[in-house]
Amino acid sequence: MWTIYALLAAITAALMTIVGKIGLEKVDPTLATGVRSAFMFLFMFLVILIGGKLKGITTLDRHALLAIIMSAVFGALSWLFYFLALKDGAASRVAAIDRTSVVFIILLSIFFLAEKLTLKVAIGGVLVTIGAILVAL
């Protein structure tokens, strides 16, 4: 099931890039990121309420909460930098460079999550990098 969710994430990320680029025509990227974040919060809060997940808030311990907060900060910075790049850059080029996050995730997962680097993953990371360079140039 994770592969279906990952594919849906990729499709919705692509749609976000196109619609975001359109929305940034006459709008400051920082303002756009803030407005986007506010609507995302409201949307996700409704999803939590409708799904009956709010009662699970009591299961968050300090460790999990800190990790989630740090993830939120990094996510917000990622969106901000993405929209700043998208404001002036071609959507396809910005998205291609953004997808090099796969390479950084591979490297960071080795150090922080003790994941193993296989030949297949290494080759995939190199190909992602080559593809991003080709699209970005």
N, C-alpha and C. Protein backbone atom coordinates (compact mmCIF):
# COMPACT_ATOMS: atom_id res chain seq x y z
N MET A 1 0.82 -1.20 0.00
CA MET A 1 0.00 0.00 0.00
C MET A 1 0.87 1.26 0.00
N TRP A 2 2.07 1.16 0.59
CA TRP A 2 2.93 2.35 0.67
C TRP A 2 3.29 2.85 -0.72
N THR A 3 3.40 1.96 -1.69
CA THR A 3 3.77 2.40 -3.03
C THR A 3 2.65 3.23 -3.68
N ILE A 4 1.42 2.85 -3.40
CA ILE A 4 0.29 3.64 -3.91
C ILE A 4 0.29 5.02 -3.28
N TYR A 5 0.50 5.08 -1.95
CA TYR A 5 0.56 6.37 -1.27
C TYR A 5 1.72 7.22 -1.80
N ALA A 6 2.86 6.58 -2.05
CA ALA A 6 4.03 7.31 -2.56
C ALA A 6 3.73 7.88 -3.95
N LEU A 7 3.08 7.10 -4.79
CA LEU A 7 2.72 7.58 -6.12
C LEU A 7 1.71 8.72 -6.03
N LEU A 8 0.74 8.59 -5.15
CA LEU A 8 -0.23 9.68 -4.94
C LEU A 8 0.47 10.94 -4.42
N ALA A 9 1.48 10.76 -3.55
CA ALA A 9 2.25 11.90 -3.07
C ALA A 9 2.97 12.60 -4.21
N ALA A 10 3.54 11.81 -5.12
CA ALA A 10 4.24 12.38 -6.27
C ALA A 10 3.28 13.14 -7.18
N ILE A 11 2.11 12.57 -7.42
CA ILE A 11 1.13 13.23 -8.29
C ILE A 11 0.63 14.52 -7.67
N THR A 12 0.30 14.49 -6.37
CA THR A 12 -0.20 15.70 -5.72
C THR A 12 0.92 16.74 -5.58
N ALA A 13 2.16 16.30 -5.42
CA ALA A 13 3.29 17.25 -5.38
C ALA A 13 3.43 17.93 -6.74
N ALA A 14 3.24 17.18 -7.81
CA ALA A 14 3.32 17.77 -9.15
C ALA A 14 2.20 18.79 -9.34
N LEU A 15 1.01 18.45 -8.92
CA LEU A 15 -0.11 19.38 -9.02
C LEU A 15 0.14 20.63 -8.17
N MET A 16 0.71 20.43 -6.97
CA MET A 16 1.03 21.56 -6.09
C MET A 16 2.02 22.50 -6.77
N THR A 17 3.00 21.95 -7.46
CA THR A 17 4.00 22.77 -8.14
C THR A 17 3.35 23.62 -9.23
N ILE A 18 2.52 23.01 -10.05
CA ILE A 18 1.90 23.74 -11.15
C ILE A 18 0.95 24.81 -10.63
N VAL A 19 0.08 24.45 -9.70
CA VAL A 19 -0.87 25.42 -9.15
C VAL A 19 -0.13 26.49 -8.35
N GLY A 20 0.90 26.09 -7.62
CA GLY A 20 1.70 27.05 -6.85
C GLY A 20 2.38 28.06 -7.76
N LYS A 21 2.94 27.61 -8.86
CA LYS A 21 3.59 28.51 -9.83
C LYS A 21 2.59 29.52 -10.36
N ILE A 22 1.40 29.06 -10.68
CA ILE A 22 0.34 29.96 -11.16
C ILE A 22 -0.01 30.98 -10.08
N GLY A 23 -0.14 30.53 -8.85
CA GLY A 23 -0.51 31.41 -7.74
C GLY A 23 0.56 32.41 -7.35
N LEU A 24 1.80 32.13 -7.70
CA LEU A 24 2.91 33.01 -7.32
C LEU A 24 3.14 34.16 -8.28
N GLU A 25 2.38 34.23 -9.36
CA GLU A 25 2.61 35.25 -10.38
C GLU A 25 2.74 36.66 -9.81
N LYS A 26 1.83 37.02 -8.91
CA LYS A 26 1.82 38.38 -8.37
C LYS A 26 1.82 38.38 -6.84
N VAL A 27 2.37 37.33 -6.25
CA VAL A 27 2.32 37.18 -4.80
C VAL A 27 3.72 36.91 -4.26
N ASP A 28 4.04 37.48 -3.12
CA ASP A 28 5.31 37.23 -2.45
C ASP A 28 5.36 35.75 -2.02
N PRO A 29 6.46 35.05 -2.29
CA PRO A 29 6.55 33.64 -1.95
C PRO A 29 6.43 33.35 -0.45
N THR A 30 6.94 34.23 0.38
CA THR A 30 6.85 34.01 1.83
C THR A 30 5.39 34.09 2.28
N LEU A 31 4.66 35.10 1.77
CA LEU A 31 3.24 35.23 2.08
C LEU A 31 2.48 34.02 1.57
N ALA A 32 2.77 33.60 0.36
CA ALA A 32 2.09 32.45 -0.22
C ALA A 32 2.34 31.19 0.61
N THR A 33 3.56 31.01 1.09
CA THR A 33 3.89 29.85 1.91
C THR A 33 3.10 29.87 3.21
N GLY A 34 2.99 31.05 3.82
CA GLY A 34 2.23 31.17 5.06
C GLY A 34 0.76 30.89 4.87
N VAL A 35 0.18 31.44 3.82
CA VAL A 35 -1.24 31.20 3.53
C VAL A 35 -1.46 29.72 3.24
N ARG A 36 -0.57 29.14 2.47
CA ARG A 36 -0.65 27.71 2.15
C ARG A 36 -0.59 26.88 3.42
N SER A 37 0.31 27.23 4.32
CA SER A 37 0.45 26.49 5.57
C SER A 37 -0.80 26.58 6.42
N ALA A 38 -1.40 27.75 6.48
CA ALA A 38 -2.62 27.93 7.27
C ALA A 38 -3.75 27.05 6.72
N PHE A 39 -3.92 27.03 5.41
CA PHE A 39 -4.95 26.19 4.81
C PHE A 39 -4.64 24.72 4.99
N MET A 40 -3.36 24.37 4.92
CA MET A 40 -2.98 22.98 5.14
C MET A 40 -3.31 22.56 6.57
N PHE A 41 -3.05 23.43 7.53
CA PHE A 41 -3.39 23.13 8.92
C PHE A 41 -4.88 22.87 9.07
N LEU A 42 -5.69 23.78 8.52
CA LEU A 42 -7.14 23.62 8.62
C LEU A 42 -7.61 22.33 7.96
N PHE A 43 -7.08 22.05 6.78
CA PHE A 43 -7.44 20.84 6.06
C PHE A 43 -7.08 19.59 6.87
N MET A 44 -5.85 19.55 7.38
CA MET A 44 -5.41 18.39 8.14
C MET A 44 -6.17 18.25 9.45
N PHE A 45 -6.50 19.37 10.08
CA PHE A 45 -7.29 19.31 11.31
C PHE A 45 -8.66 18.70 11.04
N LEU A 46 -9.27 19.06 9.92
CA LEU A 46 -10.55 18.46 9.53
C LEU A 46 -10.39 16.96 9.27
N VAL A 47 -9.31 16.57 8.61
CA VAL A 47 -9.05 15.15 8.35
C VAL A 47 -8.92 14.40 9.67
N ILE A 48 -8.22 14.99 10.64
CA ILE A 48 -8.06 14.37 11.96
C ILE A 48 -9.41 14.23 12.65
N LEU A 49 -10.21 15.31 12.61
CA LEU A 49 -11.53 15.27 13.26
C LEU A 49 -12.44 14.24 12.60
N ILE A 50 -12.53 14.28 11.28
CA ILE A 50 -13.42 13.37 10.56
C ILE A 50 -12.98 11.92 10.75
N GLY A 51 -11.67 11.71 10.79
CA GLY A 51 -11.14 10.35 10.97
C GLY A 51 -11.14 9.87 12.40
N GLY A 52 -11.55 10.72 13.34
CA GLY A 52 -11.58 10.33 14.74
C GLY A 52 -10.20 10.10 15.34
N LYS A 53 -9.20 10.80 14.86
CA LYS A 53 -7.82 10.59 15.29
C LYS A 53 -7.37 11.54 16.41
N LEU A 54 -8.19 12.53 16.75
CA LEU A 54 -7.76 13.53 17.73
C LEU A 54 -7.47 12.92 19.09
N LYS A 55 -8.19 11.87 19.45
CA LYS A 55 -7.96 11.23 20.75
C LYS A 55 -6.56 10.64 20.87
N GLY A 56 -5.91 10.39 19.74
CA GLY A 56 -4.55 9.85 19.74
C GLY A 56 -3.49 10.85 20.16
N ILE A 57 -3.87 12.11 20.36
CA ILE A 57 -2.90 13.14 20.75
C ILE A 57 -2.24 12.80 22.08
N THR A 58 -2.94 12.06 22.92
CA THR A 58 -2.40 11.70 24.23
C THR A 58 -1.29 10.66 24.13
N THR A 59 -1.14 10.04 22.97
CA THR A 59 -0.09 9.02 22.81
C THR A 59 1.26 9.62 22.44
N LEU A 60 1.28 10.93 22.17
CA LEU A 60 2.54 11.57 21.80
C LEU A 60 3.41 11.78 23.03
N ASP A 61 4.57 11.14 23.04
CA ASP A 61 5.51 11.41 24.13
C ASP A 61 6.45 12.55 23.70
N ARG A 62 7.32 12.97 24.61
CA ARG A 62 8.21 14.11 24.31
C ARG A 62 9.10 13.84 23.11
N HIS A 63 9.62 12.64 23.02
CA HIS A 63 10.52 12.27 21.92
C HIS A 63 9.80 12.39 20.57
N ALA A 64 8.62 11.80 20.49
CA ALA A 64 7.84 11.85 19.24
C ALA A 64 7.44 13.28 18.93
N LEU A 65 7.00 14.03 19.93
CA LEU A 65 6.57 15.40 19.71
C LEU A 65 7.73 16.27 19.22
N LEU A 66 8.90 16.10 19.82
CA LEU A 66 10.07 16.87 19.38
C LEU A 66 10.42 16.54 17.93
N ALA A 67 10.39 15.26 17.58
CA ALA A 67 10.70 14.86 16.20
C ALA A 67 9.67 15.43 15.23
N ILE A 68 8.40 15.42 15.61
CA ILE A 68 7.35 15.96 14.75
C ILE A 68 7.50 17.46 14.59
N ILE A 69 7.82 18.16 15.67
CA ILE A 69 8.02 19.61 15.61
C ILE A 69 9.22 19.95 14.72
N MET A 70 10.32 19.20 14.89
CA MET A 70 11.49 19.44 14.04
C MET A 70 11.15 19.17 12.58
N SER A 71 10.39 18.11 12.33
CA SER A 71 9.96 17.80 10.96
C SER A 71 9.12 18.94 10.40
N ALA A 72 8.27 19.52 11.23
CA ALA A 72 7.43 20.64 10.78
C ALA A 72 8.28 21.85 10.41
N VAL A 73 9.29 22.14 11.21
CA VAL A 73 10.17 23.28 10.91
C VAL A 73 10.91 23.04 9.60
N PHE A 74 11.47 21.84 9.45
CA PHE A 74 12.18 21.54 8.20
C PHE A 74 11.21 21.53 7.01
N GLY A 75 10.00 21.03 7.21
CA GLY A 75 9.01 21.04 6.15
C GLY A 75 8.62 22.45 5.74
N ALA A 76 8.44 23.32 6.74
CA ALA A 76 8.09 24.71 6.45
C ALA A 76 9.23 25.40 5.70
N LEU A 77 10.45 25.15 6.13
CA LEU A 77 11.61 25.73 5.43
C LEU A 77 11.68 25.20 4.00
N SER A 78 11.42 23.92 3.82
CA SER A 78 11.44 23.32 2.49
C SER A 78 10.40 23.98 1.59
N TRP A 79 9.19 24.18 2.10
CA TRP A 79 8.14 24.84 1.31
C TRP A 79 8.52 26.27 0.99
N LEU A 80 9.08 26.95 1.98
CA LEU A 80 9.47 28.35 1.76
C LEU A 80 10.54 28.45 0.68
N PHE A 81 11.59 27.64 0.80
CA PHE A 81 12.65 27.67 -0.21
C PHE A 81 12.11 27.24 -1.58
N TYR A 82 11.21 26.27 -1.58
CA TYR A 82 10.61 25.79 -2.83
C TYR A 82 9.83 26.92 -3.51
N PHE A 83 9.01 27.62 -2.75
CA PHE A 83 8.22 28.71 -3.33
C PHE A 83 9.11 29.88 -3.74
N LEU A 84 10.17 30.15 -2.97
CA LEU A 84 11.11 31.20 -3.37
C LEU A 84 11.75 30.85 -4.71
N ALA A 85 12.14 29.59 -4.87
CA ALA A 85 12.73 29.14 -6.14
C ALA A 85 11.70 29.14 -7.26
N LEU A 86 10.49 28.70 -6.93
CA LEU A 86 9.44 28.59 -7.93
C LEU A 86 8.99 29.95 -8.46
N LYS A 87 9.10 30.97 -7.63
CA LYS A 87 8.69 32.32 -8.03
C LYS A 87 9.41 32.75 -9.31
N ASP A 88 10.71 32.50 -9.38
CA ASP A 88 11.51 32.96 -10.52
C ASP A 88 11.99 31.84 -11.44
N GLY A 89 11.95 30.61 -10.97
CA GLY A 89 12.48 29.51 -11.76
C GLY A 89 11.40 28.76 -12.50
N ALA A 90 11.80 28.04 -13.53
CA ALA A 90 10.89 27.19 -14.28
C ALA A 90 10.44 26.04 -13.38
N ALA A 91 9.15 25.74 -13.39
CA ALA A 91 8.61 24.71 -12.50
C ALA A 91 9.32 23.38 -12.67
N SER A 92 9.60 22.98 -13.90
CA SER A 92 10.25 21.68 -14.13
C SER A 92 11.66 21.66 -13.57
N ARG A 93 12.36 22.76 -13.68
CA ARG A 93 13.74 22.82 -13.16
C ARG A 93 13.76 22.84 -11.65
N VAL A 94 12.89 23.64 -11.06
CA VAL A 94 12.83 23.71 -9.60
C VAL A 94 12.46 22.34 -9.03
N ALA A 95 11.46 21.70 -9.62
CA ALA A 95 11.03 20.39 -9.14
C ALA A 95 12.14 19.35 -9.29
N ALA A 96 12.87 19.41 -10.39
CA ALA A 96 13.96 18.44 -10.61
C ALA A 96 15.03 18.57 -9.54
N ILE A 97 15.41 19.79 -9.24
CA ILE A 97 16.43 19.99 -8.20
C ILE A 97 15.88 19.59 -6.84
N ASP A 98 14.61 19.91 -6.59
CA ASP A 98 13.98 19.53 -5.33
C ASP A 98 13.99 18.01 -5.15
N ARG A 99 13.85 17.27 -6.23
CA ARG A 99 13.81 15.81 -6.12
C ARG A 99 15.17 15.22 -5.77
N THR A 100 16.20 16.01 -5.82
CA THR A 100 17.49 15.50 -5.35
C THR A 100 17.46 15.28 -3.84
N SER A 101 16.35 15.65 -3.21
CA SER A 101 16.19 15.33 -1.78
C SER A 101 16.32 13.82 -1.58
N VAL A 102 16.00 13.03 -2.60
CA VAL A 102 16.15 11.58 -2.52
C VAL A 102 17.60 11.24 -2.18
N VAL A 103 18.54 11.92 -2.80
CA VAL A 103 19.95 11.65 -2.55
C VAL A 103 20.32 12.02 -1.12
N PHE A 104 19.84 13.16 -0.67
CA PHE A 104 20.12 13.57 0.71
C PHE A 104 19.46 12.62 1.71
N ILE A 105 18.26 12.14 1.39
CA ILE A 105 17.58 11.19 2.26
C ILE A 105 18.36 9.89 2.33
N ILE A 106 18.87 9.43 1.20
CA ILE A 106 19.69 8.21 1.21
C ILE A 106 20.88 8.38 2.15
N LEU A 107 21.60 9.49 2.00
CA LEU A 107 22.78 9.71 2.83
C LEU A 107 22.44 9.87 4.30
N LEU A 108 21.42 10.66 4.59
CA LEU A 108 21.05 10.90 5.99
C LEU A 108 20.47 9.64 6.64
N SER A 109 19.76 8.82 5.85
CA SER A 109 19.19 7.60 6.42
C SER A 109 20.28 6.59 6.79
N ILE A 110 21.40 6.65 6.11
CA ILE A 110 22.52 5.78 6.46
C ILE A 110 23.06 6.18 7.83
N PHE A 111 23.23 7.47 8.06
CA PHE A 111 23.83 7.95 9.30
C PHE A 111 22.87 7.97 10.49
N PHE A 112 21.63 8.37 10.26
CA PHE A 112 20.69 8.55 11.37
C PHE A 112 19.75 7.39 11.59
N LEU A 113 19.48 6.60 10.55
CA LEU A 113 18.52 5.51 10.67
C LEU A 113 19.18 4.14 10.50
N ALA A 114 20.48 4.13 10.30
CA ALA A 114 21.26 2.90 10.14
C ALA A 114 20.76 2.04 8.98
N GLU A 115 20.24 2.70 7.94
CA GLU A 115 19.84 1.95 6.75
C GLU A 115 21.09 1.58 5.96
N LYS A 116 21.00 0.48 5.26
CA LYS A 116 22.14 0.00 4.49
C LYS A 116 22.11 0.57 3.07
N LEU A 117 23.28 0.95 2.59
CA LEU A 117 23.40 1.43 1.21
C LEU A 117 23.67 0.23 0.32
N THR A 118 22.71 -0.09 -0.53
CA THR A 118 22.89 -1.19 -1.47
C THR A 118 23.36 -0.62 -2.80
N LEU A 119 23.87 -1.48 -3.64
CA LEU A 119 24.30 -1.06 -4.97
C LEU A 119 23.13 -0.47 -5.75
N LYS A 120 21.97 -1.10 -5.64
CA LYS A 120 20.79 -0.63 -6.35
C LYS A 120 20.40 0.78 -5.90
N VAL A 121 20.41 1.02 -4.59
CA VAL A 121 20.05 2.34 -4.06
C VAL A 121 21.09 3.38 -4.48
N ALA A 122 22.37 3.01 -4.44
CA ALA A 122 23.44 3.93 -4.85
C ALA A 122 23.30 4.31 -6.32
N ILE A 123 23.06 3.33 -7.17
CA ILE A 123 22.88 3.61 -8.60
C ILE A 123 21.65 4.49 -8.81
N GLY A 124 20.57 4.20 -8.11
CA GLY A 124 19.36 5.01 -8.21
C GLY A 124 19.63 6.45 -7.81
N GLY A 125 20.39 6.65 -6.73
CA GLY A 125 20.73 8.00 -6.28
C GLY A 125 21.55 8.75 -7.32
N VAL A 126 22.49 8.05 -7.92
CA VAL A 126 23.31 8.67 -8.97
C VAL A 126 22.44 9.04 -10.17
N LEU A 127 21.54 8.16 -10.56
CA LEU A 127 20.66 8.43 -11.70
C LEU A 127 19.71 9.60 -11.42
N VAL A 128 19.21 9.69 -10.19
CA VAL A 128 18.36 10.82 -9.82
C VAL A 128 19.16 12.12 -9.96
N THR A 129 20.39 12.09 -9.48
CA THR A 129 21.25 13.29 -9.57
C THR A 129 21.50 13.67 -11.02
N ILE A 130 21.84 12.70 -11.85
CA ILE A 130 22.08 12.95 -13.27
C ILE A 130 20.82 13.50 -13.93
N GLY A 131 19.67 12.89 -13.63
CA GLY A 131 18.41 13.37 -14.19
C GLY A 131 18.09 14.80 -13.78
N ALA A 132 18.32 15.11 -12.51
CA ALA A 132 18.06 16.47 -12.03
C ALA A 132 18.96 17.47 -12.74
N ILE A 133 20.22 17.12 -12.92
CA ILE A 133 21.15 18.01 -13.62
C ILE A 133 20.70 18.23 -15.06
N LEU A 134 20.31 17.16 -15.74
CA LEU A 134 19.88 17.27 -17.13
C LEU A 134 18.63 18.15 -17.26
N VAL A 135 17.67 17.99 -16.38
CA VAL A 135 16.45 18.80 -16.44
C VAL A 135 16.73 20.24 -16.05
N ALA A 136 17.61 20.44 -15.08
CA ALA A 136 17.87 21.78 -14.56
C ALA A 136 18.70 22.65 -15.50
N LEU A 137 19.49 22.03 -16.36
CA LEU A 137 20.36 22.82 -17.25
C LEU A 137 19.62 23.37 -18.44
